[in-house]
Amino acid sequence: MSSSKHSSELRRLALSVLQPGFVGTEAPDWILRDIGDGLASVVLFSRNIVSTEQVARLTARLRAENPDLIVAIDEEAGDVTRIESATGSSRPGNFALGTVDDAQLTEAVAADLGRQLRAAGVSLDYAPSADVNSNPDNPIIGVRSFGSDPEVVSRHTAAWIRGLQSSGVAACAKHFPGHGDVAVDSHHDLPAYTAGLDEIAAQALPPFRAAVAAGVRAVMTGHLLVPAHDPDLPATLSRRILRDLLREELGFDGLVVSDAIEMGAVTRRYGIDGATVKAVGAGVDAICVGGESAEEATVALLVKALTAAVTGGELPQERLAEAAGRVREFARWSAGLRASAGAGEAAGDGIGHVAARRAVRLTGAARAALPLTAPPHVVELAPVTNMAIGKETPWGVAEPLRERLPGTTSVRVHGQELEEGTTALESCALEPAVGRPLVIVARDAARHAWMSRAVTGLTAARPDAIVVEMGLPGTTSAAAAQVFTHGASAASGVAAAEILTTTSAG
């Protein structure tokens, strides 16, 4: 093979193992060119989405260059939604589904989501999160997990995969080997899961075993150090974890996808190009990139890094070719899965509302205090959300309450405002609530000291207040009247508002 042909082939192989994102609601020229040159996948984020119909037009244009193109999306439903980022998800997330603990319901919710994604032209969904949230202080997983019990998480991981794939969209179990027992957000730095081998086998791995048994064909790696398996390298860059554990011990023979390769957990140590080369060398088949670095230059940089690593002897060409082969195999399989599901229909059978309503729990005092019969004042305590959730997705109870009880007033308070003294709870929360019901909405109050203090102070001043917790339930409030939604999706907010205005004791 001539030098130019060899270089061209290397570039094609390198392109085929990347899953880049891009900016805009239409396909940029550089993405179309790269698809023609061998790019086999793209990934969509909220910045690419206006409506299901618009995404369908976008994916059709992309597939005009390659009918088998893998179109991925990071859509978990619940708190982490892209397809409904403008409105908030019409379906509850994993923690709410795990709380209900009805595997048939979980399967139905996933199938409902799958129909919407299938209608939009999506073929791979980076979901479900198969992480067991065994650390309640985990800053990155939380309500994205089905729960803290490995059996519950396993049961619902399998159900979610079955439901999604029945609608023609491939699932992707994440974040292997389990991101649920960490204290650092991998978007920013490298977390460590320090459990021993036996604990990992009993706590973190069962949901991934269940995913493999349920027919999952893609697994996403986690950017975390697991010293019991590899004391030196994060899972995404570790042959011991990806080859020895995932492929040999768990028997997974499908597509291994990296978590976003630009995340600080790996780039702070190796750079985005170095992390990419090491990940492919360790056994990753497809590199997700573009959640933040969504430029043509980033793709060009990674292609250059991969080809240089091959020519320089750092990365065996056989490993790059193997990864590219797995991408092609997955693309053919997912195209067949999509075709076998038929034309697909947009979601809308109301199963998300049913699931969100079933996930709501009330204390006895809350039940006795309801229903609200007068328009309340709603105080929403808003944390800084992690990058997986994003900043733009609507959430809360005030808007759906306003629809049911016109005249409802509300204020949203951020921790920084309280800490800097620019907002006083007395003026924004207590004074407007004089003579009317007070509803306090929290989101993971147990994880945020400022929020816990605010809830405690407000309920001390107003013992009749009703607290709605939309994150992980905690014991931060002395208030007896509490409502738990187990997630902050739009569906969960609507369900809470319905219960606040219709539920009564007895």
Protein backbone atom coordinates (compact mmCIF):
# COMPACT_ATOMS: atom_id res chain seq x y z
CA MET A 1 0.00 0.00 0.00
CA SER A 2 1.34 3.42 -0.93
CA SER A 3 2.09 5.96 1.73
CA SER A 4 -0.81 8.21 0.70
CA LYS A 5 -3.26 5.30 0.66
CA HIS A 6 -2.02 4.17 4.05
CA SER A 7 -2.47 7.68 5.47
CA SER A 8 -5.94 7.89 3.98
CA GLU A 9 -6.89 4.53 5.46
CA LEU A 10 -5.56 5.53 8.88
CA ARG A 11 -7.56 8.74 8.77
CA ARG A 12 -10.70 6.82 7.87
CA LEU A 13 -10.16 4.40 10.74
CA ALA A 14 -9.53 7.27 13.14
CA LEU A 15 -12.67 9.12 12.03
CA SER A 16 -14.79 5.99 12.41
CA VAL A 17 -14.04 5.60 16.13
CA LEU A 18 -15.12 9.15 17.03
CA GLN A 19 -18.64 10.14 18.11
CA PRO A 20 -18.51 13.94 17.91
CA GLY A 21 -21.10 16.53 18.73
CA PHE A 22 -21.61 19.78 16.86
CA VAL A 23 -23.29 23.14 17.31
CA GLY A 24 -26.54 24.08 15.62
CA THR A 25 -29.91 22.69 14.58
CA GLU A 26 -28.72 21.96 11.06
CA ALA A 27 -25.81 19.79 9.96
CA PRO A 28 -22.64 21.85 9.51
CA ASP A 29 -20.65 21.29 6.34
CA TRP A 30 -17.66 19.87 8.21
CA ILE A 31 -19.75 17.10 9.77
CA LEU A 32 -21.17 16.16 6.37
CA ARG A 33 -17.67 16.08 4.88
CA ASP A 34 -16.34 13.94 7.70
CA ILE A 35 -19.24 11.49 7.35
CA GLY A 36 -18.31 11.16 3.69
CA ASP A 37 -14.70 10.54 4.73
CA GLY A 38 -15.56 7.78 7.22
CA LEU A 39 -17.11 9.33 10.34
CA ALA A 40 -19.57 6.67 11.51
CA SER A 41 -21.29 8.39 14.43
CA VAL A 42 -22.50 11.71 15.78
CA VAL A 43 -24.04 12.64 19.13
CA LEU A 44 -26.81 15.17 19.73
CA PHE A 45 -27.25 17.50 22.69
CA SER A 46 -29.90 20.04 23.62
CA ARG A 47 -28.20 22.72 21.50
CA ASN A 48 -29.17 20.65 18.43
CA ILE A 49 -32.83 20.26 19.34
CA VAL A 50 -35.92 22.39 18.81
CA SER A 51 -38.54 19.68 18.27
CA THR A 52 -38.83 16.01 17.37
CA GLU A 53 -39.75 16.98 13.81
CA GLN A 54 -36.73 19.27 13.45
CA VAL A 55 -34.40 16.54 14.76
CA ALA A 56 -35.93 14.10 12.29
CA ARG A 57 -35.04 16.46 9.45
CA LEU A 58 -31.53 16.88 10.85
CA THR A 59 -30.90 13.14 11.20
CA ALA A 60 -32.30 12.50 7.72
CA ARG A 61 -29.81 15.01 6.30
CA LEU A 62 -26.96 13.36 8.18
CA ARG A 63 -27.97 9.89 6.98
CA ALA A 64 -28.10 11.09 3.41
CA GLU A 65 -24.30 10.81 3.64
CA ASN A 66 -24.39 7.37 5.31
CA PRO A 67 -27.66 5.44 5.82
CA ASP A 68 -26.11 3.41 8.66
CA LEU A 69 -24.81 6.45 10.55
CA ILE A 70 -25.07 6.02 14.31
CA VAL A 71 -26.98 8.98 15.74
CA ALA A 72 -26.54 9.02 19.51
CA ILE A 73 -28.16 11.17 22.17
CA ASP A 74 -27.52 11.66 25.88
CA GLU A 75 -31.15 11.23 26.94
CA GLU A 76 -31.87 9.65 30.31
CA ALA A 77 -35.32 11.23 30.80
CA GLY A 78 -35.99 12.69 34.23
CA ASP A 79 -33.48 15.31 35.28
CA VAL A 80 -31.14 14.61 32.33
CA THR A 81 -33.05 15.31 29.15
CA ARG A 82 -31.96 16.63 25.77
CA ILE A 83 -34.97 15.86 23.59
CA GLU A 84 -37.21 17.83 26.00
CA SER A 85 -34.66 20.25 27.42
CA ALA A 86 -36.79 23.28 26.54
CA THR A 87 -39.78 22.08 28.56
CA GLY A 88 -38.41 19.52 31.02
CA SER A 89 -38.93 15.81 30.64
CA SER A 90 -42.47 14.47 30.41
CA ARG A 91 -41.18 11.30 32.05
CA PRO A 92 -39.73 10.73 35.51
CA GLY A 93 -36.14 9.64 35.89
CA ASN A 94 -34.54 6.48 37.19
CA PHE A 95 -34.84 7.17 40.92
CA ALA A 96 -38.58 7.72 40.65
CA LEU A 97 -38.95 4.48 38.68
CA GLY A 98 -36.83 2.58 41.19
CA THR A 99 -38.98 3.98 43.99
CA VAL A 100 -42.14 2.64 42.36
CA ASP A 101 -40.25 -0.62 41.72
CA ASP A 102 -42.54 -1.89 38.98
CA ALA A 103 -40.31 -3.30 36.25
CA GLN A 104 -43.18 -3.38 33.76
CA LEU A 105 -43.76 0.33 34.33
CA THR A 106 -40.06 1.06 33.80
CA GLU A 107 -40.09 -0.95 30.59
CA ALA A 108 -43.17 0.95 29.38
CA VAL A 109 -41.62 4.37 30.16
CA ALA A 110 -38.43 3.42 28.29
CA ALA A 111 -40.43 2.13 25.33
CA ASP A 112 -42.37 5.40 25.28
CA LEU A 113 -39.11 7.36 25.20
CA GLY A 114 -37.77 5.03 22.54
CA ARG A 115 -40.72 5.77 20.25
CA GLN A 116 -40.01 9.49 20.48
CA LEU A 117 -36.29 9.03 19.83
CA ARG A 118 -36.96 6.60 16.99
CA ALA A 119 -39.30 9.12 15.36
CA ALA A 120 -36.51 11.71 15.62
CA GLY A 121 -34.04 9.41 13.87
CA VAL A 122 -31.94 8.58 16.93
CA SER A 123 -30.40 5.10 16.93
CA LEU A 124 -28.33 5.03 20.16
CA ASP A 125 -29.22 6.44 23.56
CA TYR A 126 -26.52 6.92 26.20
CA ALA A 127 -28.80 5.40 28.85
CA PRO A 128 -29.66 3.93 31.24
CA SER A 129 -27.43 4.84 34.14
CA ALA A 130 -26.70 1.46 35.70
CA ASP A 131 -24.86 3.05 38.63
CA VAL A 132 -25.83 2.04 42.15
CA ASN A 133 -26.04 5.29 44.12
CA SER A 134 -24.50 3.86 47.29
CA ASN A 135 -22.98 7.22 48.32
CA PRO A 136 -25.75 9.75 49.11
CA ASP A 137 -23.19 12.57 48.80
CA ASN A 138 -22.39 11.60 45.21
CA PRO A 139 -22.35 14.90 43.28
CA ILE A 140 -22.92 13.44 39.82
CA ILE A 141 -25.34 10.48 39.99
CA GLY A 142 -28.04 10.94 42.65
CA VAL A 143 -31.54 10.66 41.14
CA ARG A 144 -30.02 9.49 37.85
CA SER A 145 -29.67 6.07 39.54
CA PHE A 146 -32.53 3.63 40.09
CA GLY A 147 -31.47 3.52 43.74
CA SER A 148 -28.97 2.26 46.30
CA ASP A 149 -29.94 -1.42 46.20
CA PRO A 150 -28.02 -3.43 43.55
CA GLU A 151 -30.98 -5.78 43.07
CA VAL A 152 -33.37 -2.91 42.38
CA VAL A 153 -30.92 -1.20 40.05
CA SER A 154 -30.27 -4.47 38.20
CA ARG A 155 -33.97 -5.20 37.78
CA HIS A 156 -34.76 -1.78 36.37
CA THR A 157 -31.62 -1.50 34.26
CA ALA A 158 -32.68 -4.66 32.44
CA ALA A 159 -36.28 -3.47 32.11
CA TRP A 160 -35.20 -0.07 30.75
CA ILE A 161 -32.98 -1.72 28.14
CA ARG A 162 -35.73 -4.08 27.03
CA GLY A 163 -38.22 -1.24 26.73
CA LEU A 164 -35.97 1.13 24.82
CA GLN A 165 -34.71 -1.49 22.39
CA SER A 166 -38.24 -2.77 21.74
CA SER A 167 -38.86 0.63 20.14
CA GLY A 168 -35.88 0.37 17.82
CA VAL A 169 -33.32 2.45 19.74
CA ALA A 170 -30.16 0.88 21.13
CA ALA A 171 -29.43 1.32 24.83
CA CYS A 172 -26.03 2.04 26.38
CA ALA A 173 -25.47 1.03 30.02
CA LYS A 174 -23.28 3.48 31.91
CA HIS A 175 -20.90 4.31 33.66
CA PHE A 176 -18.83 1.11 33.85
CA PRO A 177 -17.71 -0.24 36.29
CA GLY A 178 -20.05 1.92 38.42
CA HIS A 179 -20.03 5.62 39.29
CA GLY A 180 -22.34 5.47 42.29
CA ASP A 181 -19.87 5.50 45.19
CA VAL A 182 -17.72 8.56 44.48
CA ALA A 183 -17.46 12.03 45.99
CA VAL A 184 -16.00 13.96 43.02
CA ASP A 185 -17.70 15.08 39.81
CA SER A 186 -15.72 13.55 36.94
CA HIS A 187 -16.54 16.55 34.74
CA HIS A 188 -13.99 18.43 36.84
CA ASP A 189 -11.53 15.93 38.33
CA LEU A 190 -10.81 12.25 38.79
CA PRO A 191 -13.00 10.47 41.36
CA ALA A 192 -11.94 7.23 43.04
CA TYR A 193 -14.01 4.19 43.91
CA THR A 194 -11.92 2.66 46.68
CA ALA A 195 -13.94 -0.45 47.52
CA GLY A 196 -12.34 -3.89 47.49
CA LEU A 197 -12.89 -6.53 44.81
CA ASP A 198 -15.63 -8.36 46.71
CA GLU A 199 -17.59 -5.19 47.43
CA ILE A 200 -17.32 -4.04 43.82
CA ALA A 201 -18.52 -7.43 42.61
CA ALA A 202 -21.50 -7.36 44.98
CA GLN A 203 -22.40 -3.66 44.78
CA ALA A 204 -21.44 -2.12 41.44
CA LEU A 205 -21.25 -4.92 38.89
CA PRO A 206 -24.67 -6.66 39.17
CA PRO A 207 -26.52 -4.02 37.09
CA PHE A 208 -23.97 -4.36 34.30
CA ARG A 209 -24.30 -8.13 34.37
CA ALA A 210 -28.06 -7.63 34.14
CA ALA A 211 -27.58 -5.24 31.22
CA VAL A 212 -25.52 -7.78 29.30
CA ALA A 213 -28.11 -10.47 30.00
CA ALA A 214 -30.86 -8.12 28.78
CA GLY A 215 -29.14 -7.72 25.42
CA VAL A 216 -27.42 -4.38 25.71
CA ARG A 217 -24.97 -3.88 22.85
CA ALA A 218 -23.21 -0.74 24.09
CA VAL A 219 -21.56 0.08 27.42
CA MET A 220 -20.18 3.49 28.38
CA THR A 221 -17.08 3.72 30.52
CA GLY A 222 -16.76 5.88 33.61
CA HIS A 223 -13.89 8.29 34.19
CA LEU A 224 -13.01 7.04 37.66
CA LEU A 225 -10.09 5.34 39.34
CA VAL A 226 -10.85 1.86 40.70
CA PRO A 227 -7.65 0.88 42.55
CA ALA A 228 -8.81 -2.65 43.31
CA HIS A 229 -8.73 -3.34 39.57
CA ASP A 230 -6.19 -0.77 38.38
CA PRO A 231 -4.36 1.53 40.80
CA ASP A 232 -2.89 3.69 38.05
CA LEU A 233 -5.37 4.36 35.26
CA PRO A 234 -9.00 5.53 35.14
CA ALA A 235 -11.47 2.91 33.90
CA THR A 236 -11.76 4.55 30.48
CA LEU A 237 -8.00 4.15 29.99
CA SER A 238 -7.56 0.78 31.69
CA ARG A 239 -7.07 -2.50 29.84
CA ARG A 240 -7.52 -4.35 33.12
CA ILE A 241 -11.00 -2.93 33.52
CA LEU A 242 -12.14 -2.88 29.89
CA ARG A 243 -10.55 -6.10 28.69
CA ASP A 244 -10.11 -8.30 31.76
CA LEU A 245 -13.24 -7.25 33.66
CA LEU A 246 -15.79 -6.09 31.09
CA ARG A 247 -15.01 -8.34 28.16
CA GLU A 248 -13.59 -11.46 29.79
CA GLU A 249 -15.30 -11.66 33.18
CA LEU A 250 -18.66 -10.12 32.23
CA GLY A 251 -18.62 -11.55 28.71
CA PHE A 252 -19.53 -8.31 26.93
CA ASP A 253 -18.72 -8.39 23.23
CA GLY A 254 -20.45 -5.23 22.02
CA LEU A 255 -19.44 -1.60 21.57
CA VAL A 256 -17.46 0.14 24.32
CA VAL A 257 -18.12 3.88 24.30
CA SER A 258 -16.17 6.40 26.37
CA ASP A 259 -17.82 8.98 28.54
CA ALA A 260 -17.19 12.45 27.10
CA ILE A 261 -13.45 12.43 26.54
CA GLU A 262 -13.08 16.17 27.21
CA MET A 263 -14.07 15.77 30.87
CA GLY A 264 -11.56 16.96 33.43
CA ALA A 265 -11.14 13.53 35.03
CA VAL A 266 -8.99 12.45 32.09
CA THR A 267 -7.96 15.61 30.25
CA ARG A 268 -6.36 17.25 33.29
CA ARG A 269 -3.80 14.44 33.32
CA TYR A 270 -3.49 13.37 29.70
CA GLY A 271 -5.00 16.11 27.53
CA ILE A 272 -7.93 15.40 25.25
CA ASP A 273 -5.66 13.93 22.56
CA GLY A 274 -3.63 11.80 24.97
CA ALA A 275 -6.76 10.53 26.71
CA THR A 276 -8.26 9.57 23.35
CA VAL A 277 -5.22 7.56 22.30
CA LYS A 278 -4.96 5.82 25.67
CA ALA A 279 -8.70 5.04 25.70
CA VAL A 280 -8.63 3.37 22.28
CA GLY A 281 -5.49 1.49 23.23
CA ALA A 282 -7.17 0.23 26.40
CA GLY A 283 -10.21 -1.12 24.57
CA VAL A 284 -12.64 1.74 23.95
CA ASP A 285 -14.21 1.42 20.50
CA ALA A 286 -15.96 4.77 20.18
CA ILE A 287 -14.85 8.08 21.66
CA CYS A 288 -17.67 10.41 22.69
CA VAL A 289 -16.54 14.00 22.24
CA GLY A 290 -18.35 17.27 21.87
CA GLY A 291 -20.46 17.86 24.92
CA GLU A 292 -18.21 20.87 25.42
CA SER A 293 -15.62 20.60 22.64
CA ALA A 294 -17.92 20.62 19.63
CA GLU A 295 -15.65 22.08 16.99
CA GLU A 296 -14.22 20.81 13.74
CA ALA A 297 -10.76 21.54 15.11
CA THR A 298 -11.26 19.11 18.01
CA VAL A 299 -12.15 16.27 15.65
CA ALA A 300 -9.14 17.12 13.48
CA LEU A 301 -6.91 17.12 16.57
CA LEU A 302 -8.12 13.68 17.66
CA VAL A 303 -7.78 12.22 14.18
CA LYS A 304 -4.22 13.53 14.05
CA ALA A 305 -3.45 12.13 17.50
CA LEU A 306 -4.77 8.67 16.63
CA THR A 307 -2.98 8.45 13.30
CA ALA A 308 0.26 9.73 14.80
CA ALA A 309 -0.02 7.20 17.62
CA VAL A 310 -0.29 4.40 15.07
CA THR A 311 2.60 5.58 12.91
CA GLY A 312 4.68 6.22 16.04
CA GLY A 313 4.06 2.76 17.46
CA GLU A 314 2.12 3.90 20.53
CA LEU A 315 -1.19 2.49 19.28
CA PRO A 316 -1.26 -0.78 17.31
CA GLN A 317 -3.08 -0.37 14.02
CA GLU A 318 -4.77 -3.69 14.72
CA ARG A 319 -6.42 -2.21 17.83
CA LEU A 320 -7.66 0.83 15.88
CA ALA A 321 -8.99 -1.45 13.15
CA GLU A 322 -10.66 -3.67 15.74
CA ALA A 323 -12.40 -0.66 17.27
CA ALA A 324 -13.52 0.55 13.83
CA GLY A 325 -14.84 -2.93 13.06
CA ARG A 326 -16.93 -2.95 16.22
CA VAL A 327 -18.36 0.45 15.31
CA ARG A 328 -19.32 -0.85 11.84
CA GLU A 329 -20.86 -3.98 13.35
CA PHE A 330 -22.86 -1.94 15.84
CA ALA A 331 -23.98 0.46 13.09
CA ARG A 332 -25.34 -2.42 11.01
CA TRP A 333 -27.07 -3.96 14.03
CA SER A 334 -28.62 -0.69 15.19
CA ALA A 335 -29.82 0.11 11.67
CA GLY A 336 -31.54 -3.27 11.60
CA LEU A 337 -33.03 -2.67 15.04
CA ARG A 338 -34.37 0.69 13.89
CA ALA A 339 -35.84 -0.78 10.72
CA SER A 340 -37.46 -3.69 12.54
CA ALA A 341 -39.41 -1.27 14.75
CA GLY A 342 -41.24 0.17 11.74
CA ALA A 343 -41.84 3.83 11.05
CA GLY A 344 -42.16 4.74 14.72
CA GLU A 345 -44.63 7.06 16.35
CA ALA A 346 -44.15 10.05 18.57
CA ALA A 347 -44.67 9.37 22.24
CA GLY A 348 -47.77 10.55 24.03
CA ASP A 349 -49.66 7.76 25.74
CA GLY A 350 -49.37 9.46 29.15
CA ILE A 351 -47.26 6.75 30.75
CA GLY A 352 -44.75 9.33 31.98
CA HIS A 353 -47.44 11.14 33.93
CA VAL A 354 -48.69 7.88 35.43
CA ALA A 355 -45.17 6.90 36.49
CA ALA A 356 -44.38 10.29 38.01
CA ARG A 357 -47.63 10.28 39.98
CA ARG A 358 -46.96 6.78 41.31
CA ALA A 359 -43.49 7.85 42.51
CA VAL A 360 -44.72 10.63 44.80
CA ARG A 361 -44.69 9.89 48.53
CA LEU A 362 -46.20 11.95 51.37
CA THR A 363 -45.75 12.05 55.10
CA GLY A 364 -48.89 11.67 57.16
CA ALA A 365 -48.82 15.32 58.18
CA ALA A 366 -48.64 16.40 54.54
CA ARG A 367 -51.63 14.26 53.67
CA ALA A 368 -53.57 15.80 56.57
CA ALA A 369 -52.65 19.34 55.46
CA LEU A 370 -53.84 18.84 51.88
CA PRO A 371 -55.40 19.76 49.57
CA LEU A 372 -54.36 23.36 49.11
CA THR A 373 -57.49 25.38 48.55
CA ALA A 374 -55.97 28.87 48.28
CA PRO A 375 -53.15 30.03 45.99
CA PRO A 376 -49.87 29.48 47.83
CA HIS A 377 -46.58 31.29 47.81
CA VAL A 378 -43.90 28.92 46.47
CA VAL A 379 -40.24 29.23 47.40
CA GLU A 380 -37.98 27.16 45.15
CA LEU A 381 -34.46 26.62 46.48
CA ALA A 382 -32.27 26.12 43.42
CA PRO A 383 -28.88 24.42 43.60
CA VAL A 384 -26.13 24.69 41.01
CA THR A 385 -26.82 21.66 38.84
CA ASN A 386 -24.03 19.45 37.54
CA MET A 387 -23.02 19.51 33.89
CA ALA A 388 -24.85 16.27 33.09
CA ILE A 389 -28.15 17.93 33.97
CA GLY A 390 -27.36 21.32 32.47
CA LYS A 391 -28.61 24.76 33.40
CA GLU A 392 -31.46 25.35 31.01
CA THR A 393 -33.94 22.58 31.77
CA PRO A 394 -37.12 23.86 33.49
CA TRP A 395 -38.04 22.27 36.82
CA GLY A 396 -40.08 22.99 39.91
CA VAL A 397 -43.63 23.07 41.25
CA ALA A 398 -44.58 26.75 40.97
CA GLU A 399 -45.65 26.76 37.32
CA PRO A 400 -47.89 23.68 37.44
CA LEU A 401 -49.36 24.93 40.72
CA ARG A 402 -50.12 28.30 39.09
CA GLU A 403 -52.08 26.50 36.38
CA ARG A 404 -54.18 24.73 39.00
CA LEU A 405 -54.44 27.60 41.47
CA PRO A 406 -54.34 30.95 39.63
CA GLY A 407 -52.85 33.61 41.83
CA THR A 408 -50.03 31.39 43.04
CA THR A 409 -46.87 33.48 43.53
CA SER A 410 -43.32 32.22 43.55
CA VAL A 411 -39.67 33.06 43.99
CA ARG A 412 -36.58 31.05 43.09
CA VAL A 413 -33.65 31.46 45.46
CA HIS A 414 -30.03 30.44 44.80
CA GLY A 415 -27.49 29.62 47.45
CA GLN A 416 -25.05 32.28 46.33
CA GLU A 417 -27.69 34.97 46.85
CA LEU A 418 -28.23 33.88 50.44
CA GLU A 419 -24.54 33.52 51.19
CA GLU A 420 -23.76 36.96 49.77
CA GLY A 421 -26.68 38.54 51.60
CA THR A 422 -28.30 39.88 48.42
CA THR A 423 -31.50 37.96 49.17
CA ALA A 424 -33.23 37.68 52.54
CA LEU A 425 -35.66 34.82 53.10
CA GLU A 426 -37.87 37.04 55.23
CA SER A 427 -38.59 39.45 52.38
CA CYS A 428 -38.82 36.98 49.50
CA ALA A 429 -40.31 33.96 51.25
CA LEU A 430 -42.08 34.80 54.50
CA GLU A 431 -43.56 38.24 53.87
CA PRO A 432 -45.27 37.30 50.57
CA ALA A 433 -46.71 34.21 52.27
CA VAL A 434 -48.51 36.08 55.06
CA GLY A 435 -52.12 34.91 55.11
CA ARG A 436 -51.60 32.21 52.48
CA PRO A 437 -50.12 28.70 52.28
CA LEU A 438 -46.34 28.38 51.98
CA VAL A 439 -44.80 25.68 49.79
CA ILE A 440 -41.02 25.18 49.98
CA VAL A 441 -39.41 23.28 47.11
CA ALA A 442 -35.97 21.77 47.66
CA ARG A 443 -33.68 19.78 45.40
CA ASP A 444 -31.23 17.57 47.30
CA ALA A 445 -31.40 19.62 50.50
CA ALA A 446 -29.39 16.98 52.34
CA ARG A 447 -26.45 17.62 49.99
CA HIS A 448 -26.49 21.43 50.24
CA ALA A 449 -25.88 23.01 53.63
CA TRP A 450 -27.34 26.38 52.60
CA MET A 451 -30.52 24.72 51.38
CA SER A 452 -30.87 22.64 54.51
CA ARG A 453 -30.50 25.76 56.65
CA ALA A 454 -33.08 27.58 54.55
CA VAL A 455 -35.62 24.78 54.87
CA THR A 456 -35.04 24.54 58.61
CA GLY A 457 -35.38 28.31 59.07
CA LEU A 458 -38.50 28.63 56.95
CA THR A 459 -40.29 25.70 58.58
CA ALA A 460 -39.41 27.03 62.03
CA ALA A 461 -41.05 30.34 61.11
CA ARG A 462 -43.95 28.64 59.34
CA PRO A 463 -44.67 25.24 60.91
CA ASP A 464 -47.63 24.88 58.55
CA ALA A 465 -45.37 25.01 55.47
CA ILE A 466 -45.31 22.08 53.10
CA VAL A 467 -41.87 20.97 51.89
CA VAL A 468 -41.57 19.34 48.46
CA GLU A 469 -38.23 17.54 48.04
CA MET A 470 -37.43 16.91 44.36
CA GLY A 471 -34.06 15.24 44.89
CA LEU A 472 -32.91 12.46 47.18
CA PRO A 473 -35.01 12.32 50.36
CA GLY A 474 -33.10 13.46 53.44
CA THR A 475 -33.65 14.31 57.07
CA THR A 476 -32.78 18.00 56.90
CA SER A 477 -36.18 19.43 57.81
CA ALA A 478 -38.05 19.50 61.07
CA ALA A 479 -41.27 19.96 59.10
CA ALA A 480 -43.60 17.01 59.33
CA ALA A 481 -45.49 17.96 56.16
CA GLN A 482 -43.26 16.69 53.36
CA VAL A 483 -43.80 15.50 49.80
CA PHE A 484 -41.14 13.52 47.92
CA THR A 485 -41.13 13.34 44.11
CA HIS A 486 -37.80 11.44 43.74
CA GLY A 487 -36.74 13.60 40.82
CA ALA A 488 -37.10 17.09 39.35
CA SER A 489 -38.44 16.37 35.88
CA ALA A 490 -41.35 18.39 34.54
CA ALA A 491 -43.50 15.29 34.94
CA SER A 492 -42.58 15.11 38.62
CA GLY A 493 -43.45 18.78 39.11
CA VAL A 494 -46.87 18.28 37.54
CA ALA A 495 -47.46 15.18 39.66
CA ALA A 496 -46.56 17.10 42.83
CA ALA A 497 -48.88 19.97 41.93
CA GLU A 498 -51.74 17.56 41.32
CA ILE A 499 -51.21 15.87 44.66
CA LEU A 500 -50.89 19.18 46.50
CA THR A 501 -54.25 20.29 45.15
CA THR A 502 -56.25 17.05 45.25
CA THR A 503 -54.97 14.89 48.08
CA SER A 504 -56.77 14.88 51.41
CA ALA A 505 -56.53 12.81 54.58
CA GLY A 506 -58.48 9.61 54.75
